[in-house]
Amino acid sequence: MKKIILLIPVFFLLYSCGEKKPDYDAIAKELCDCMTPMVELNARIENALAKNDSLDMQAILLEAEELEAKSITCTEAIEAKLGETGEDDILEANKALKKVCPDVAKILEEAGY
């Protein structure tokens, strides 16, 4: 019986070491790196629309297709690395994103993500 009681703290220690929480700030930084080019492009689109510059808009739209594909690939790689996430993980990641990369967080929030 004493052996079992002595093993309980060891079990909890091993269990707590085995399950690490994700580094939400690092995840936010990676997502920021993926999405910042799209945020910058969005600003250029707004500027071109304000100036009514159709030539610049055409060039931007071509660039947007390429950047969108890169952003999707980048975010999918982050998702694959994380594996299955719960609602708490998503909330924590969103908090970290707002802290690390507010511009990206704002656009994603406006888009409904």
N, C-alpha and C. Protein backbone atom coordinates (compact mmCIF):
# COMPACT_ATOMS: atom_id res chain seq x y z
N MET A 1 0.82 -1.18 0.00
CA MET A 1 0.00 0.00 0.00
C MET A 1 0.87 1.26 0.00
N LYS A 2 1.96 1.27 0.78
CA LYS A 2 2.85 2.42 0.82
C LYS A 2 3.50 2.65 -0.54
N LYS A 3 3.80 1.57 -1.25
CA LYS A 3 4.41 1.70 -2.57
C LYS A 3 3.45 2.42 -3.53
N ILE A 4 2.17 2.08 -3.45
CA ILE A 4 1.18 2.72 -4.32
C ILE A 4 1.08 4.20 -3.99
N ILE A 5 1.05 4.55 -2.70
CA ILE A 5 0.97 5.95 -2.30
C ILE A 5 2.20 6.71 -2.77
N LEU A 6 3.36 6.09 -2.72
CA LEU A 6 4.58 6.74 -3.18
C LEU A 6 4.60 6.89 -4.71
N LEU A 7 3.93 6.01 -5.42
CA LEU A 7 3.91 6.08 -6.88
C LEU A 7 2.93 7.13 -7.41
N ILE A 8 1.95 7.50 -6.61
CA ILE A 8 0.95 8.48 -7.08
C ILE A 8 1.61 9.81 -7.48
N PRO A 9 2.48 10.41 -6.64
CA PRO A 9 3.12 11.65 -7.07
C PRO A 9 3.98 11.47 -8.33
N VAL A 10 4.63 10.33 -8.44
CA VAL A 10 5.44 10.06 -9.64
C VAL A 10 4.55 10.01 -10.87
N PHE A 11 3.40 9.37 -10.77
CA PHE A 11 2.45 9.30 -11.88
C PHE A 11 2.02 10.69 -12.31
N PHE A 12 1.64 11.52 -11.34
CA PHE A 12 1.20 12.88 -11.68
C PHE A 12 2.33 13.69 -12.30
N LEU A 13 3.53 13.51 -11.81
CA LEU A 13 4.67 14.21 -12.37
C LEU A 13 4.91 13.80 -13.83
N LEU A 14 4.89 12.51 -14.08
CA LEU A 14 5.08 12.02 -15.45
C LEU A 14 3.95 12.46 -16.36
N TYR A 15 2.73 12.41 -15.87
CA TYR A 15 1.57 12.81 -16.67
C TYR A 15 1.65 14.29 -17.02
N SER A 16 2.01 15.11 -16.06
CA SER A 16 2.07 16.54 -16.32
C SER A 16 3.20 16.89 -17.27
N CYS A 17 4.27 16.12 -17.27
CA CYS A 17 5.39 16.38 -18.18
C CYS A 17 5.05 15.95 -19.60
N GLY A 18 4.20 14.97 -19.75
CA GLY A 18 3.90 14.42 -21.06
C GLY A 18 3.02 15.29 -21.92
N GLU A 19 2.18 16.10 -21.30
CA GLU A 19 1.24 16.89 -22.07
C GLU A 19 1.59 18.36 -21.99
N LYS A 20 2.29 18.85 -22.99
CA LYS A 20 2.66 20.26 -23.01
C LYS A 20 1.61 21.05 -23.78
N LYS A 21 1.34 22.25 -23.28
CA LYS A 21 0.42 23.13 -23.99
C LYS A 21 1.17 23.74 -25.17
N PRO A 22 0.44 24.04 -26.23
CA PRO A 22 1.10 24.68 -27.38
C PRO A 22 1.66 26.05 -26.99
N ASP A 23 2.69 26.46 -27.68
CA ASP A 23 3.25 27.80 -27.49
C ASP A 23 2.44 28.75 -28.37
N TYR A 24 1.41 29.34 -27.77
CA TYR A 24 0.47 30.16 -28.54
C TYR A 24 1.14 31.37 -29.17
N ASP A 25 2.12 31.97 -28.48
CA ASP A 25 2.81 33.12 -29.06
C ASP A 25 3.60 32.71 -30.31
N ALA A 26 4.22 31.54 -30.27
CA ALA A 26 4.97 31.06 -31.44
C ALA A 26 4.02 30.75 -32.60
N ILE A 27 2.86 30.17 -32.26
CA ILE A 27 1.86 29.89 -33.29
C ILE A 27 1.38 31.19 -33.91
N ALA A 28 1.11 32.18 -33.06
CA ALA A 28 0.65 33.49 -33.55
C ALA A 28 1.70 34.13 -34.45
N LYS A 29 2.97 33.99 -34.07
CA LYS A 29 4.05 34.56 -34.89
C LYS A 29 4.10 33.89 -36.25
N GLU A 30 3.97 32.57 -36.27
CA GLU A 30 3.97 31.85 -37.55
C GLU A 30 2.79 32.29 -38.42
N LEU A 31 1.62 32.39 -37.81
CA LEU A 31 0.43 32.81 -38.56
C LEU A 31 0.60 34.24 -39.05
N CYS A 32 1.19 35.07 -38.23
CA CYS A 32 1.45 36.45 -38.63
C CYS A 32 2.37 36.49 -39.85
N ASP A 33 3.42 35.69 -39.82
CA ASP A 33 4.35 35.63 -40.95
C ASP A 33 3.64 35.16 -42.22
N CYS A 34 2.69 34.23 -42.06
CA CYS A 34 1.93 33.72 -43.21
C CYS A 34 1.01 34.79 -43.79
N MET A 35 0.36 35.53 -42.90
CA MET A 35 -0.72 36.41 -43.32
C MET A 35 -0.33 37.86 -43.58
N THR A 36 0.81 38.30 -43.08
CA THR A 36 1.21 39.71 -43.24
C THR A 36 1.27 40.15 -44.70
N PRO A 37 1.80 39.35 -45.62
CA PRO A 37 1.78 39.79 -47.02
C PRO A 37 0.36 40.05 -47.54
N MET A 38 -0.61 39.26 -47.10
CA MET A 38 -2.00 39.49 -47.53
C MET A 38 -2.56 40.77 -46.92
N VAL A 39 -2.19 41.07 -45.69
CA VAL A 39 -2.63 42.31 -45.04
C VAL A 39 -2.07 43.51 -45.80
N GLU A 40 -0.79 43.43 -46.14
CA GLU A 40 -0.15 44.51 -46.89
C GLU A 40 -0.80 44.67 -48.27
N LEU A 41 -1.11 43.55 -48.90
CA LEU A 41 -1.76 43.59 -50.20
C LEU A 41 -3.16 44.20 -50.08
N ASN A 42 -3.86 43.89 -49.02
CA ASN A 42 -5.19 44.45 -48.79
C ASN A 42 -5.11 45.98 -48.70
N ALA A 43 -4.08 46.49 -48.05
CA ALA A 43 -3.89 47.94 -47.95
C ALA A 43 -3.64 48.54 -49.33
N ARG A 44 -2.86 47.84 -50.14
CA ARG A 44 -2.61 48.32 -51.51
C ARG A 44 -3.89 48.32 -52.33
N ILE A 45 -4.74 47.31 -52.14
CA ILE A 45 -6.02 47.25 -52.86
C ILE A 45 -6.88 48.45 -52.47
N GLU A 46 -6.97 48.72 -51.18
CA GLU A 46 -7.77 49.87 -50.72
C GLU A 46 -7.23 51.17 -51.30
N ASN A 47 -5.91 51.31 -51.37
CA ASN A 47 -5.28 52.50 -51.92
C ASN A 47 -5.59 52.64 -53.41
N ALA A 48 -5.48 51.54 -54.15
CA ALA A 48 -5.76 51.57 -55.59
C ALA A 48 -7.23 51.88 -55.85
N LEU A 49 -8.11 51.34 -55.03
CA LEU A 49 -9.54 51.64 -55.18
C LEU A 49 -9.82 53.11 -54.91
N ALA A 50 -9.18 53.66 -53.89
CA ALA A 50 -9.37 55.07 -53.56
C ALA A 50 -8.90 55.98 -54.69
N LYS A 51 -7.82 55.57 -55.36
CA LYS A 51 -7.27 56.36 -56.47
C LYS A 51 -7.95 56.03 -57.79
N ASN A 52 -8.79 55.01 -57.80
CA ASN A 52 -9.46 54.53 -59.01
C ASN A 52 -8.42 54.15 -60.07
N ASP A 53 -7.37 53.48 -59.64
CA ASP A 53 -6.25 53.09 -60.50
C ASP A 53 -6.46 51.65 -60.99
N SER A 54 -7.04 51.52 -62.18
CA SER A 54 -7.39 50.19 -62.69
C SER A 54 -6.16 49.37 -63.09
N LEU A 55 -5.10 50.02 -63.57
CA LEU A 55 -3.89 49.28 -63.94
C LEU A 55 -3.23 48.67 -62.71
N ASP A 56 -3.15 49.45 -61.64
CA ASP A 56 -2.57 48.94 -60.40
C ASP A 56 -3.44 47.81 -59.84
N MET A 57 -4.76 47.97 -59.96
CA MET A 57 -5.68 46.93 -59.47
C MET A 57 -5.46 45.61 -60.19
N GLN A 58 -5.26 45.67 -61.51
CA GLN A 58 -5.02 44.44 -62.28
C GLN A 58 -3.75 43.74 -61.79
N ALA A 59 -2.70 44.50 -61.60
CA ALA A 59 -1.43 43.93 -61.12
C ALA A 59 -1.60 43.35 -59.72
N ILE A 60 -2.33 44.07 -58.88
CA ILE A 60 -2.54 43.61 -57.50
C ILE A 60 -3.36 42.32 -57.49
N LEU A 61 -4.37 42.23 -58.33
CA LEU A 61 -5.21 41.02 -58.35
C LEU A 61 -4.42 39.79 -58.80
N LEU A 62 -3.51 39.97 -59.75
CA LEU A 62 -2.65 38.86 -60.15
C LEU A 62 -1.75 38.43 -58.99
N GLU A 63 -1.21 39.41 -58.30
CA GLU A 63 -0.36 39.12 -57.15
C GLU A 63 -1.17 38.46 -56.02
N ALA A 64 -2.42 38.89 -55.89
CA ALA A 64 -3.28 38.36 -54.82
C ALA A 64 -3.51 36.86 -54.97
N GLU A 65 -3.69 36.40 -56.20
CA GLU A 65 -3.90 34.97 -56.43
C GLU A 65 -2.69 34.15 -55.95
N GLU A 66 -1.51 34.63 -56.28
CA GLU A 66 -0.29 33.94 -55.88
C GLU A 66 -0.11 33.98 -54.35
N LEU A 67 -0.33 35.14 -53.76
CA LEU A 67 -0.18 35.28 -52.31
C LEU A 67 -1.21 34.45 -51.56
N GLU A 68 -2.42 34.38 -52.10
CA GLU A 68 -3.46 33.58 -51.44
C GLU A 68 -3.05 32.11 -51.38
N ALA A 69 -2.53 31.60 -52.48
CA ALA A 69 -2.08 30.21 -52.52
C ALA A 69 -0.96 29.97 -51.50
N LYS A 70 -0.01 30.90 -51.42
CA LYS A 70 1.08 30.77 -50.45
C LYS A 70 0.56 30.82 -49.02
N SER A 71 -0.39 31.72 -48.77
CA SER A 71 -0.96 31.86 -47.42
C SER A 71 -1.70 30.60 -47.00
N ILE A 72 -2.45 30.02 -47.94
CA ILE A 72 -3.19 28.79 -47.64
C ILE A 72 -2.22 27.66 -47.32
N THR A 73 -1.19 27.51 -48.14
CA THR A 73 -0.18 26.46 -47.90
C THR A 73 0.48 26.67 -46.54
N CYS A 74 0.81 27.89 -46.23
CA CYS A 74 1.48 28.21 -44.97
C CYS A 74 0.58 27.91 -43.77
N THR A 75 -0.68 28.34 -43.82
CA THR A 75 -1.59 28.10 -42.69
C THR A 75 -1.92 26.61 -42.56
N GLU A 76 -2.01 25.90 -43.67
CA GLU A 76 -2.26 24.45 -43.60
C GLU A 76 -1.08 23.74 -42.94
N ALA A 77 0.13 24.21 -43.19
CA ALA A 77 1.31 23.62 -42.56
C ALA A 77 1.27 23.83 -41.04
N ILE A 78 0.82 25.00 -40.62
CA ILE A 78 0.69 25.28 -39.18
C ILE A 78 -0.36 24.36 -38.57
N GLU A 79 -1.51 24.24 -39.24
CA GLU A 79 -2.58 23.37 -38.75
C GLU A 79 -2.12 21.92 -38.65
N ALA A 80 -1.37 21.46 -39.65
CA ALA A 80 -0.88 20.08 -39.64
C ALA A 80 0.09 19.85 -38.48
N LYS A 81 0.92 20.84 -38.21
CA LYS A 81 1.87 20.73 -37.12
C LYS A 81 1.15 20.69 -35.76
N LEU A 82 0.07 21.46 -35.64
CA LEU A 82 -0.66 21.51 -34.37
C LEU A 82 -1.50 20.27 -34.12
N GLY A 83 -2.01 19.69 -35.19
CA GLY A 83 -2.91 18.55 -35.01
C GLY A 83 -4.28 19.02 -34.58
N GLU A 84 -4.98 18.16 -33.87
CA GLU A 84 -6.34 18.48 -33.44
C GLU A 84 -6.31 19.54 -32.35
N THR A 85 -7.15 20.56 -32.51
CA THR A 85 -7.22 21.62 -31.51
C THR A 85 -8.63 21.74 -30.97
N GLY A 86 -8.72 22.14 -29.74
CA GLY A 86 -10.01 22.34 -29.11
C GLY A 86 -10.38 23.81 -29.11
N GLU A 87 -11.57 24.09 -28.63
CA GLU A 87 -12.05 25.47 -28.60
C GLU A 87 -11.16 26.35 -27.71
N ASP A 88 -10.70 25.80 -26.59
CA ASP A 88 -9.82 26.56 -25.70
C ASP A 88 -8.52 26.93 -26.40
N ASP A 89 -7.99 26.00 -27.20
CA ASP A 89 -6.76 26.29 -27.95
C ASP A 89 -6.98 27.43 -28.93
N ILE A 90 -8.12 27.42 -29.59
CA ILE A 90 -8.42 28.47 -30.57
C ILE A 90 -8.54 29.82 -29.88
N LEU A 91 -9.22 29.85 -28.73
CA LEU A 91 -9.35 31.11 -27.98
C LEU A 91 -7.99 31.63 -27.54
N GLU A 92 -7.15 30.75 -27.04
CA GLU A 92 -5.80 31.16 -26.60
C GLU A 92 -4.96 31.64 -27.78
N ALA A 93 -5.07 30.95 -28.90
CA ALA A 93 -4.31 31.35 -30.10
C ALA A 93 -4.78 32.71 -30.59
N ASN A 94 -6.09 32.97 -30.54
CA ASN A 94 -6.62 34.27 -30.95
C ASN A 94 -6.12 35.39 -30.04
N LYS A 95 -6.08 35.13 -28.74
CA LYS A 95 -5.55 36.13 -27.80
C LYS A 95 -4.09 36.44 -28.13
N ALA A 96 -3.32 35.39 -28.38
CA ALA A 96 -1.91 35.58 -28.71
C ALA A 96 -1.75 36.34 -30.02
N LEU A 97 -2.59 36.03 -31.00
CA LEU A 97 -2.51 36.71 -32.29
C LEU A 97 -2.82 38.20 -32.14
N LYS A 98 -3.81 38.53 -31.33
CA LYS A 98 -4.14 39.94 -31.11
C LYS A 98 -2.97 40.68 -30.47
N LYS A 99 -2.21 39.98 -29.64
CA LYS A 99 -1.06 40.58 -28.97
C LYS A 99 0.14 40.68 -29.92
N VAL A 100 0.41 39.60 -30.64
CA VAL A 100 1.61 39.52 -31.48
C VAL A 100 1.44 40.23 -32.82
N CYS A 101 0.24 40.16 -33.37
CA CYS A 101 0.02 40.64 -34.73
C CYS A 101 -1.40 41.22 -34.86
N PRO A 102 -1.64 42.40 -34.29
CA PRO A 102 -3.00 42.94 -34.26
C PRO A 102 -3.62 43.20 -35.63
N ASP A 103 -2.80 43.57 -36.63
CA ASP A 103 -3.35 43.84 -37.96
C ASP A 103 -3.96 42.59 -38.57
N VAL A 104 -3.25 41.49 -38.47
CA VAL A 104 -3.76 40.22 -39.00
C VAL A 104 -4.98 39.78 -38.20
N ALA A 105 -4.92 39.91 -36.89
CA ALA A 105 -6.04 39.52 -36.03
C ALA A 105 -7.30 40.29 -36.40
N LYS A 106 -7.14 41.58 -36.66
CA LYS A 106 -8.29 42.42 -37.02
C LYS A 106 -8.92 41.97 -38.33
N ILE A 107 -8.10 41.72 -39.33
CA ILE A 107 -8.64 41.31 -40.63
C ILE A 107 -9.30 39.94 -40.53
N LEU A 108 -8.69 39.01 -39.81
CA LEU A 108 -9.29 37.69 -39.66
C LEU A 108 -10.62 37.78 -38.90
N GLU A 109 -10.66 38.66 -37.90
CA GLU A 109 -11.89 38.84 -37.14
C GLU A 109 -12.99 39.44 -38.02
N GLU A 110 -12.63 40.43 -38.84
CA GLU A 110 -13.59 41.05 -39.75
C GLU A 110 -14.09 40.04 -40.79
N ALA A 111 -13.24 39.09 -41.14
CA ALA A 111 -13.62 38.07 -42.12
C ALA A 111 -14.42 36.93 -41.48
N GLY A 112 -14.55 36.97 -40.15
CA GLY A 112 -15.35 35.96 -39.47
C GLY A 112 -14.58 34.75 -38.98
N TYR A 113 -13.26 34.88 -38.87
CA TYR A 113 -12.45 33.75 -38.39
C TYR A 113 -12.11 33.92 -36.93
